[in-house]
């Protein structure tokens, strides 16, 4: 059922069946149910070169990509995520149709507070929905939240392993080049600690389809200061490798 609104993005349809559904494209059921989605291609390459992961499934299409499987933990898959909610969230919906039911996401994001150091981990509790994708999965709201039981379980594991972390909201936006000073201050005042481009959509897909989803994002570039600076965030190989390893361990606990 759909009710016409002033703006099309607010016209949420409660009908769960679409013209094209993920199950139509899922030609098999995976024999693995857990997955790590990472935005660190060099880590995937390193794991592959060490033969810690092996190719598992090729996703065809105009932008084909490979899903890998951990050799020693065969119930855990790993894939390099694609930027933005439509690509990353859409693929997540497809992965669930293949049989994936427990997912950990790890990536980096721009800090909204300059006191958040490069590499500091944010356990995502939810996202400010400043994008369009999530509105097709979950009815309109200013924020969307992760499943508290899943997030608490992740937090317990981090604390057991003595891994320091922050916990809070991120700001999901479609527009990388429209993170203005005023918007940064507004989102910061609403509780967002990091800006990124996927979480609202991924959380919405998990809610809509009913599977376990968690995300850890590390502090990267600085969008809080007078001038933007990358702080060398995408060269922190040790942080990125360790975060993927951590998320593999966590998804086995979910």
C-alpha atoms as a PDB file:
ATOM      1  CA  UNK A   1       0.000   0.000   0.000  1.00  0.00           C
ATOM      2  CA  UNK A   2       1.289   3.427  -0.905  1.00  0.00           C
ATOM      3  CA  UNK A   3       0.100   6.910   0.042  1.00  0.00           C
ATOM      4  CA  UNK A   4       1.005   9.841  -2.186  1.00  0.00           C
ATOM      5  CA  UNK A   5       3.145  12.500  -0.487  1.00  0.00           C
ATOM      6  CA  UNK A   6       4.508  15.894  -1.448  1.00  0.00           C
ATOM      7  CA  UNK A   7       7.932  14.391  -2.158  1.00  0.00           C
ATOM      8  CA  UNK A   8       8.324  11.009  -3.929  1.00  0.00           C
ATOM      9  CA  UNK A   9      11.039   9.761  -1.577  1.00  0.00           C
ATOM     10  CA  UNK A  10       8.517   9.842   1.286  1.00  0.00           C
ATOM     11  CA  UNK A  11       6.045   7.571  -0.539  1.00  0.00           C
ATOM     12  CA  UNK A  12       6.861   4.349   1.297  1.00  0.00           C
ATOM     13  CA  UNK A  13       5.185   1.243  -0.097  1.00  0.00           C
ATOM     14  CA  UNK A  14       4.377  -1.484   2.451  1.00  0.00           C
ATOM     15  CA  UNK A  15       4.177  -4.161  -0.280  1.00  0.00           C
ATOM     16  CA  UNK A  16       7.149  -6.512   0.217  1.00  0.00           C
ATOM     17  CA  UNK A  17       6.965  -7.893  -3.314  1.00  0.00           C
ATOM     18  CA  UNK A  18       8.569  -5.860  -6.095  1.00  0.00           C
ATOM     19  CA  UNK A  19       8.695  -6.320  -9.870  1.00  0.00           C
ATOM     20  CA  UNK A  20      12.281  -7.572  -9.537  1.00  0.00           C
ATOM     21  CA  UNK A  21      13.198  -9.363  -6.320  1.00  0.00           C
ATOM     22  CA  UNK A  22      16.639 -10.523  -5.105  1.00  0.00           C
ATOM     23  CA  UNK A  23      15.484 -14.140  -5.099  1.00  0.00           C
ATOM     24  CA  UNK A  24      15.041 -13.911  -8.876  1.00  0.00           C
ATOM     25  CA  UNK A  25      18.788 -13.265  -9.273  1.00  0.00           C
ATOM     26  CA  UNK A  26      19.985 -15.675  -6.577  1.00  0.00           C
ATOM     27  CA  UNK A  27      20.577 -18.852  -8.566  1.00  0.00           C
ATOM     28  CA  UNK A  28      21.634 -20.922  -5.542  1.00  0.00           C
ATOM     29  CA  UNK A  29      21.805 -20.969  -1.761  1.00  0.00           C
ATOM     30  CA  UNK A  30      25.257 -20.476  -0.298  1.00  0.00           C
ATOM     31  CA  UNK A  31      26.537 -23.091   2.137  1.00  0.00           C
ATOM     32  CA  UNK A  32      27.933 -20.206   4.211  1.00  0.00           C
ATOM     33  CA  UNK A  33      25.682 -17.893   6.219  1.00  0.00           C
ATOM     34  CA  UNK A  34      28.116 -15.275   7.545  1.00  0.00           C
ATOM     35  CA  UNK A  35      29.798 -12.416   5.716  1.00  0.00           C
ATOM     36  CA  UNK A  36      32.246  -9.562   6.228  1.00  0.00           C
ATOM     37  CA  UNK A  37      31.764  -6.563   3.946  1.00  0.00           C
ATOM     38  CA  UNK A  38      34.921  -4.479   3.833  1.00  0.00           C
ATOM     39  CA  UNK A  39      35.996  -1.340   2.011  1.00  0.00           C
ATOM     40  CA  UNK A  40      39.665  -2.264   2.223  1.00  0.00           C
ATOM     41  CA  UNK A  41      40.667  -3.815  -1.136  1.00  0.00           C
ATOM     42  CA  UNK A  42      44.325  -4.140  -0.151  1.00  0.00           C
ATOM     43  CA  UNK A  43      43.297  -6.350   2.786  1.00  0.00           C
ATOM     44  CA  UNK A  44      41.269  -8.631   0.506  1.00  0.00           C
ATOM     45  CA  UNK A  45      44.256  -8.844  -1.847  1.00  0.00           C
ATOM     46  CA  UNK A  46      46.608  -9.608   1.041  1.00  0.00           C
ATOM     47  CA  UNK A  47      44.361 -12.364   2.376  1.00  0.00           C
ATOM     48  CA  UNK A  48      44.090 -13.844  -1.116  1.00  0.00           C
ATOM     49  CA  UNK A  49      47.853 -13.746  -1.676  1.00  0.00           C
ATOM     50  CA  UNK A  50      48.371 -15.569   1.628  1.00  0.00           C
ATOM     51  CA  UNK A  51      45.728 -18.116   0.590  1.00  0.00           C
ATOM     52  CA  UNK A  52      43.694 -17.323   3.693  1.00  0.00           C
ATOM     53  CA  UNK A  53      40.687 -16.746   1.459  1.00  0.00           C
ATOM     54  CA  UNK A  54      39.676 -18.327  -1.844  1.00  0.00           C
ATOM     55  CA  UNK A  55      37.206 -17.320  -4.584  1.00  0.00           C
ATOM     56  CA  UNK A  56      33.757 -18.632  -3.730  1.00  0.00           C
ATOM     57  CA  UNK A  57      31.225 -17.062  -6.106  1.00  0.00           C
ATOM     58  CA  UNK A  58      31.328 -14.655  -9.037  1.00  0.00           C
ATOM     59  CA  UNK A  59      28.500 -12.110  -9.141  1.00  0.00           C
ATOM     60  CA  UNK A  60      27.858 -11.321 -12.795  1.00  0.00           C
ATOM     61  CA  UNK A  61      26.442  -8.157 -14.348  1.00  0.00           C
ATOM     62  CA  UNK A  62      27.743  -4.854 -15.643  1.00  0.00           C
ATOM     63  CA  UNK A  63      29.920  -4.463 -12.524  1.00  0.00           C
ATOM     64  CA  UNK A  64      30.968  -8.049 -11.738  1.00  0.00           C
ATOM     65  CA  UNK A  65      32.792  -8.874  -8.511  1.00  0.00           C
ATOM     66  CA  UNK A  66      34.024 -11.856  -6.521  1.00  0.00           C
ATOM     67  CA  UNK A  67      32.838 -13.162  -3.165  1.00  0.00           C
ATOM     68  CA  UNK A  68      35.589 -14.988  -1.254  1.00  0.00           C
ATOM     69  CA  UNK A  69      35.469 -17.574   1.518  1.00  0.00           C
ATOM     70  CA  UNK A  70      37.838 -17.896   4.487  1.00  0.00           C
ATOM     71  CA  UNK A  71      39.695 -21.192   4.152  1.00  0.00           C
ATOM     72  CA  UNK A  72      39.882 -21.959   7.895  1.00  0.00           C
ATOM     73  CA  UNK A  73      36.436 -20.520   8.676  1.00  0.00           C
ATOM     74  CA  UNK A  74      34.355 -21.804   5.730  1.00  0.00           C
ATOM     75  CA  UNK A  75      31.099 -20.384   7.086  1.00  0.00           C
ATOM     76  CA  UNK A  76      32.482 -16.835   6.674  1.00  0.00           C
ATOM     77  CA  UNK A  77      32.490 -15.051   3.320  1.00  0.00           C
ATOM     78  CA  UNK A  78      34.192 -11.738   2.565  1.00  0.00           C
ATOM     79  CA  UNK A  79      33.505  -9.226  -0.180  1.00  0.00           C
ATOM     80  CA  UNK A  80      34.805  -5.809  -1.143  1.00  0.00           C
ATOM     81  CA  UNK A  81      31.895  -3.389  -0.664  1.00  0.00           C
ATOM     82  CA  UNK A  82      30.749  -0.887  -3.268  1.00  0.00           C
ATOM     83  CA  UNK A  83      30.300   2.803  -2.532  1.00  0.00           C
ATOM     84  CA  UNK A  84      26.881   4.233  -1.681  1.00  0.00           C
ATOM     85  CA  UNK A  85      23.607   2.785  -0.432  1.00  0.00           C
ATOM     86  CA  UNK A  86      22.196   1.703  -3.829  1.00  0.00           C
ATOM     87  CA  UNK A  87      25.270  -0.407  -4.620  1.00  0.00           C
ATOM     88  CA  UNK A  88      26.226  -1.613  -1.144  1.00  0.00           C
ATOM     89  CA  UNK A  89      22.690  -1.937   0.230  1.00  0.00           C
ATOM     90  CA  UNK A  90      21.386  -3.476  -2.984  1.00  0.00           C
ATOM     91  CA  UNK A  91      24.129  -6.087  -2.931  1.00  0.00           C
ATOM     92  CA  UNK A  92      23.417  -6.776   0.743  1.00  0.00           C
ATOM     93  CA  UNK A  93      19.801  -7.559  -0.186  1.00  0.00           C
ATOM     94  CA  UNK A  94      21.087  -9.946  -2.851  1.00  0.00           C
ATOM     95  CA  UNK A  95      23.510 -11.622  -0.405  1.00  0.00           C
ATOM     96  CA  UNK A  96      20.625 -12.302   1.950  1.00  0.00           C
ATOM     97  CA  UNK A  97      18.714 -13.958  -0.894  1.00  0.00           C
ATOM     98  CA  UNK A  98      21.751 -16.224  -1.380  1.00  0.00           C
ATOM     99  CA  UNK A  99      21.392 -17.270   2.282  1.00  0.00           C
ATOM    100  CA  UNK A 100      23.611 -14.847   4.206  1.00  0.00           C
ATOM    101  CA  UNK A 101      21.971 -14.059   7.556  1.00  0.00           C
ATOM    102  CA  UNK A 102      24.773 -12.582   9.693  1.00  0.00           C
ATOM    103  CA  UNK A 103      26.835  -9.650   8.438  1.00  0.00           C
ATOM    104  CA  UNK A 104      29.617  -7.435   9.769  1.00  0.00           C
ATOM    105  CA  UNK A 105      30.542  -4.283   7.865  1.00  0.00           C
ATOM    106  CA  UNK A 106      33.894  -2.544   8.293  1.00  0.00           C
ATOM    107  CA  UNK A 107      35.014   0.669   6.653  1.00  0.00           C
ATOM    108  CA  UNK A 108      36.266   4.179   7.296  1.00  0.00           C
ATOM    109  CA  UNK A 109      34.468   7.494   7.525  1.00  0.00           C
ATOM    110  CA  UNK A 110      35.023  11.206   7.960  1.00  0.00           C
ATOM    111  CA  UNK A 111      35.098  12.353  11.568  1.00  0.00           C
ATOM    112  CA  UNK A 112      32.734  15.114  12.690  1.00  0.00           C
ATOM    113  CA  UNK A 113      34.746  15.674  15.844  1.00  0.00           C
ATOM    114  CA  UNK A 114      38.463  16.417  15.380  1.00  0.00           C
ATOM    115  CA  UNK A 115      39.134  14.718  18.728  1.00  0.00           C
ATOM    116  CA  UNK A 116      38.293  11.357  17.143  1.00  0.00           C
ATOM    117  CA  UNK A 117      41.701  10.021  16.180  1.00  0.00           C
ATOM    118  CA  UNK A 118      42.598   8.224  12.979  1.00  0.00           C
ATOM    119  CA  UNK A 119      41.849   4.554  13.552  1.00  0.00           C
ATOM    120  CA  UNK A 120      39.464   5.051  16.480  1.00  0.00           C
ATOM    121  CA  UNK A 121      36.572   2.603  16.124  1.00  0.00           C
ATOM    122  CA  UNK A 122      32.902   3.537  16.056  1.00  0.00           C
ATOM    123  CA  UNK A 123      30.391   0.789  16.764  1.00  0.00           C
ATOM    124  CA  UNK A 124      27.412   1.963  14.738  1.00  0.00           C
ATOM    125  CA  UNK A 125      24.150   2.282  16.684  1.00  0.00           C
ATOM    126  CA  UNK A 126      22.259   3.915  13.860  1.00  0.00           C
ATOM    127  CA  UNK A 127      22.361   6.458  11.077  1.00  0.00           C
ATOM    128  CA  UNK A 128      20.886   9.829  10.195  1.00  0.00           C
ATOM    129  CA  UNK A 129      19.078   9.133   6.914  1.00  0.00           C
ATOM    130  CA  UNK A 130      20.354  11.838   4.584  1.00  0.00           C
ATOM    131  CA  UNK A 131      20.070   9.618   1.481  1.00  0.00           C
ATOM    132  CA  UNK A 132      17.286   8.091  -0.592  1.00  0.00           C
ATOM    133  CA  UNK A 133      17.782   4.323  -0.691  1.00  0.00           C
ATOM    134  CA  UNK A 134      16.648   3.470   2.844  1.00  0.00           C
ATOM    135  CA  UNK A 135      13.258   5.152   2.306  1.00  0.00           C
ATOM    136  CA  UNK A 136      12.283   2.332  -0.055  1.00  0.00           C
ATOM    137  CA  UNK A 137      12.854  -0.293   2.666  1.00  0.00           C
ATOM    138  CA  UNK A 138      11.742   1.372   5.911  1.00  0.00           C
ATOM    139  CA  UNK A 139       9.139   4.098   6.320  1.00  0.00           C
ATOM    140  CA  UNK A 140      10.450   7.673   6.689  1.00  0.00           C
ATOM    141  CA  UNK A 141      12.180   8.730   9.898  1.00  0.00           C
ATOM    142  CA  UNK A 142      15.065  11.010  10.703  1.00  0.00           C
ATOM    143  CA  UNK A 143      17.229   8.179  12.045  1.00  0.00           C
ATOM    144  CA  UNK A 144      17.341   4.432  11.673  1.00  0.00           C
ATOM    145  CA  UNK A 145      18.806   2.170  14.342  1.00  0.00           C
ATOM    146  CA  UNK A 146      20.628  -1.144  14.394  1.00  0.00           C
ATOM    147  CA  UNK A 147      19.183  -4.110  16.287  1.00  0.00           C
ATOM    148  CA  UNK A 148      20.175  -3.405  19.899  1.00  0.00           C
ATOM    149  CA  UNK A 149      20.665  -7.093  20.733  1.00  0.00           C
ATOM    150  CA  UNK A 150      23.150  -7.468  17.879  1.00  0.00           C
ATOM    151  CA  UNK A 151      24.953  -4.222  18.727  1.00  0.00           C
ATOM    152  CA  UNK A 152      25.184  -5.162  22.416  1.00  0.00           C
ATOM    153  CA  UNK A 153      26.658  -8.557  21.477  1.00  0.00           C
ATOM    154  CA  UNK A 154      29.321  -6.825  19.368  1.00  0.00           C
ATOM    155  CA  UNK A 155      30.075  -4.426  22.226  1.00  0.00           C
ATOM    156  CA  UNK A 156      30.467  -7.323  24.658  1.00  0.00           C
ATOM    157  CA  UNK A 157      32.981  -8.985  22.346  1.00  0.00           C
ATOM    158  CA  UNK A 158      34.983  -5.768  21.943  1.00  0.00           C
ATOM    159  CA  UNK A 159      35.089  -5.321  25.715  1.00  0.00           C
ATOM    160  CA  UNK A 160      36.089  -8.959  26.266  1.00  0.00           C
ATOM    161  CA  UNK A 161      39.003  -8.427  23.866  1.00  0.00           C
ATOM    162  CA  UNK A 162      39.899  -5.049  25.445  1.00  0.00           C
ATOM    163  CA  UNK A 163      39.364  -3.226  22.131  1.00  0.00           C
ATOM    164  CA  UNK A 164      38.668   0.498  22.751  1.00  0.00           C
ATOM    165  CA  UNK A 165      35.716   1.884  20.824  1.00  0.00           C
ATOM    166  CA  UNK A 166      33.097   4.601  20.607  1.00  0.00           C
ATOM    167  CA  UNK A 167      29.406   3.889  20.203  1.00  0.00           C
ATOM    168  CA  UNK A 168      26.922   6.122  18.421  1.00  0.00           C
ATOM    169  CA  UNK A 169      25.365   7.413  15.232  1.00  0.00           C
ATOM    170  CA  UNK A 170      26.818   8.056  11.826  1.00  0.00           C
ATOM    171  CA  UNK A 171      25.531  10.419   9.149  1.00  0.00           C
ATOM    172  CA  UNK A 172      24.750   8.701   5.849  1.00  0.00           C
ATOM    173  CA  UNK A 173      24.774  10.972   2.820  1.00  0.00           C
ATOM    174  CA  UNK A 174      24.673  10.424  -0.939  1.00  0.00           C
ATOM    175  CA  UNK A 175      26.568  13.619  -1.689  1.00  0.00           C
ATOM    176  CA  UNK A 176      30.289  13.424  -0.979  1.00  0.00           C
ATOM    177  CA  UNK A 177      30.874  16.954  -2.249  1.00  0.00           C
ATOM    178  CA  UNK A 178      27.969  18.581  -0.351  1.00  0.00           C
ATOM    179  CA  UNK A 179      29.174  18.081   3.201  1.00  0.00           C
ATOM    180  CA  UNK A 180      28.990  21.787   3.983  1.00  0.00           C
ATOM    181  CA  UNK A 181      30.163  23.395   7.217  1.00  0.00           C
ATOM    182  CA  UNK A 182      26.602  24.079   8.342  1.00  0.00           C
ATOM    183  CA  UNK A 183      25.475  20.526   7.628  1.00  0.00           C
ATOM    184  CA  UNK A 184      28.456  19.131   9.497  1.00  0.00           C
ATOM    185  CA  UNK A 185      27.547  21.191  12.565  1.00  0.00           C
ATOM    186  CA  UNK A 186      23.876  20.204  12.340  1.00  0.00           C
ATOM    187  CA  UNK A 187      24.585  16.489  12.054  1.00  0.00           C
ATOM    188  CA  UNK A 188      27.134  16.734  14.855  1.00  0.00           C
ATOM    189  CA  UNK A 189      24.515  18.416  17.065  1.00  0.00           C
ATOM    190  CA  UNK A 190      22.187  15.468  16.336  1.00  0.00           C
ATOM    191  CA  UNK A 191      24.754  13.039  17.686  1.00  0.00           C
ATOM    192  CA  UNK A 192      26.542  11.847  14.558  1.00  0.00           C
ATOM    193  CA  UNK A 193      30.228  11.083  15.075  1.00  0.00           C
ATOM    194  CA  UNK A 194      31.228   9.995  11.568  1.00  0.00           C
ATOM    195  CA  UNK A 195      29.957  10.699   8.045  1.00  0.00           C
ATOM    196  CA  UNK A 196      29.833   7.882   5.492  1.00  0.00           C
ATOM    197  CA  UNK A 197      27.707   6.679   2.570  1.00  0.00           C
ATOM    198  CA  UNK A 198      26.253   3.218   3.287  1.00  0.00           C
ATOM    199  CA  UNK A 199      24.950   2.609   6.809  1.00  0.00           C
ATOM    200  CA  UNK A 200      21.370   3.921   6.598  1.00  0.00           C
ATOM    201  CA  UNK A 201      20.757   1.729   3.560  1.00  0.00           C
ATOM    202  CA  UNK A 202      22.392  -1.400   4.956  1.00  0.00           C
ATOM    203  CA  UNK A 203      20.579  -1.095   8.280  1.00  0.00           C
ATOM    204  CA  UNK A 204      17.290  -0.636   6.424  1.00  0.00           C
ATOM    205  CA  UNK A 205      17.836  -3.770   4.318  1.00  0.00           C
ATOM    206  CA  UNK A 206      18.630  -5.795   7.449  1.00  0.00           C
ATOM    207  CA  UNK A 207      15.457  -4.519   9.136  1.00  0.00           C
ATOM    208  CA  UNK A 208      13.305  -5.178   6.080  1.00  0.00           C
ATOM    209  CA  UNK A 209      14.606  -8.706   5.489  1.00  0.00           C
ATOM    210  CA  UNK A 210      15.085  -9.617   9.159  1.00  0.00           C
ATOM    211  CA  UNK A 211      18.726 -10.659   9.520  1.00  0.00           C
ATOM    212  CA  UNK A 212      21.619  -9.763  11.848  1.00  0.00           C
ATOM    213  CA  UNK A 213      23.753  -6.789  10.845  1.00  0.00           C
ATOM    214  CA  UNK A 214      26.486  -4.857  12.594  1.00  0.00           C
ATOM    215  CA  UNK A 215      29.032  -2.260  11.537  1.00  0.00           C
ATOM    216  CA  UNK A 216      32.317  -0.857  12.798  1.00  0.00           C
ATOM    217  CA  UNK A 217      33.751   2.233  11.119  1.00  0.00           C
ATOM    218  CA  UNK A 218      37.123   3.709  11.922  1.00  0.00           C
ATOM    219  CA  UNK A 219      37.865   7.404  12.112  1.00  0.00           C
ATOM    220  CA  UNK A 220      39.394   8.593   8.852  1.00  0.00           C
ATOM    221  CA  UNK A 221      39.565  11.983   7.190  1.00  0.00           C
ATOM    222  CA  UNK A 222      38.700  15.160   9.095  1.00  0.00           C
ATOM    223  CA  UNK A 223      35.609  17.092   7.984  1.00  0.00           C
ATOM    224  CA  UNK A 224      35.272  18.911  11.301  1.00  0.00           C
ATOM    225  CA  UNK A 225      38.150  21.387  10.999  1.00  0.00           C
ATOM    226  CA  UNK A 226      38.279  24.635   9.034  1.00  0.00           C
ATOM    227  CA  UNK A 227      39.750  22.800   6.054  1.00  0.00           C
ATOM    228  CA  UNK A 228      39.311  19.164   5.060  1.00  0.00           C
ATOM    229  CA  UNK A 229      42.328  16.912   5.502  1.00  0.00           C
ATOM    230  CA  UNK A 230      42.669  13.224   4.672  1.00  0.00           C
ATOM    231  CA  UNK A 231      45.020  12.546   7.653  1.00  0.00           C
ATOM    232  CA  UNK A 232      46.454   9.659   5.603  1.00  0.00           C
ATOM    233  CA  UNK A 233      43.440   7.601   6.643  1.00  0.00           C
ATOM    234  CA  UNK A 234      43.479   5.195   3.691  1.00  0.00           C
ATOM    235  CA  UNK A 235      47.136   4.217   4.184  1.00  0.00           C
ATOM    236  CA  UNK A 236      46.699   2.750   7.666  1.00  0.00           C
ATOM    237  CA  UNK A 237      47.323  -0.838   6.575  1.00  0.00           C
ATOM    238  CA  UNK A 238      47.684  -2.278  10.075  1.00  0.00           C
ATOM    239  CA  UNK A 239      44.443  -0.762  11.341  1.00  0.00           C
ATOM    240  CA  UNK A 240      42.533  -1.917   8.288  1.00  0.00           C
ATOM    241  CA  UNK A 241      43.866  -5.479   8.358  1.00  0.00           C
ATOM    242  CA  UNK A 242      43.206  -5.820  12.087  1.00  0.00           C
ATOM    243  CA  UNK A 243      39.670  -4.493  11.702  1.00  0.00           C
ATOM    244  CA  UNK A 244      38.828  -7.082   9.038  1.00  0.00           C
ATOM    245  CA  UNK A 245      40.233  -9.828  11.275  1.00  0.00           C
ATOM    246  CA  UNK A 246      38.223  -8.494  14.213  1.00  0.00           C
ATOM    247  CA  UNK A 247      35.000  -8.423  12.186  1.00  0.00           C
ATOM    248  CA  UNK A 248      35.584 -12.004  11.036  1.00  0.00           C
ATOM    249  CA  UNK A 249      35.835 -13.062  14.670  1.00  0.00           C
ATOM    250  CA  UNK A 250      32.748 -11.052  15.639  1.00  0.00           C
ATOM    251  CA  UNK A 251      30.528 -12.417  12.859  1.00  0.00           C
ATOM    252  CA  UNK A 252      31.304 -15.924  14.081  1.00  0.00           C
ATOM    253  CA  UNK A 253      29.871 -14.889  17.459  1.00  0.00           C
ATOM    254  CA  UNK A 254      26.588 -13.518  16.057  1.00  0.00           C
END
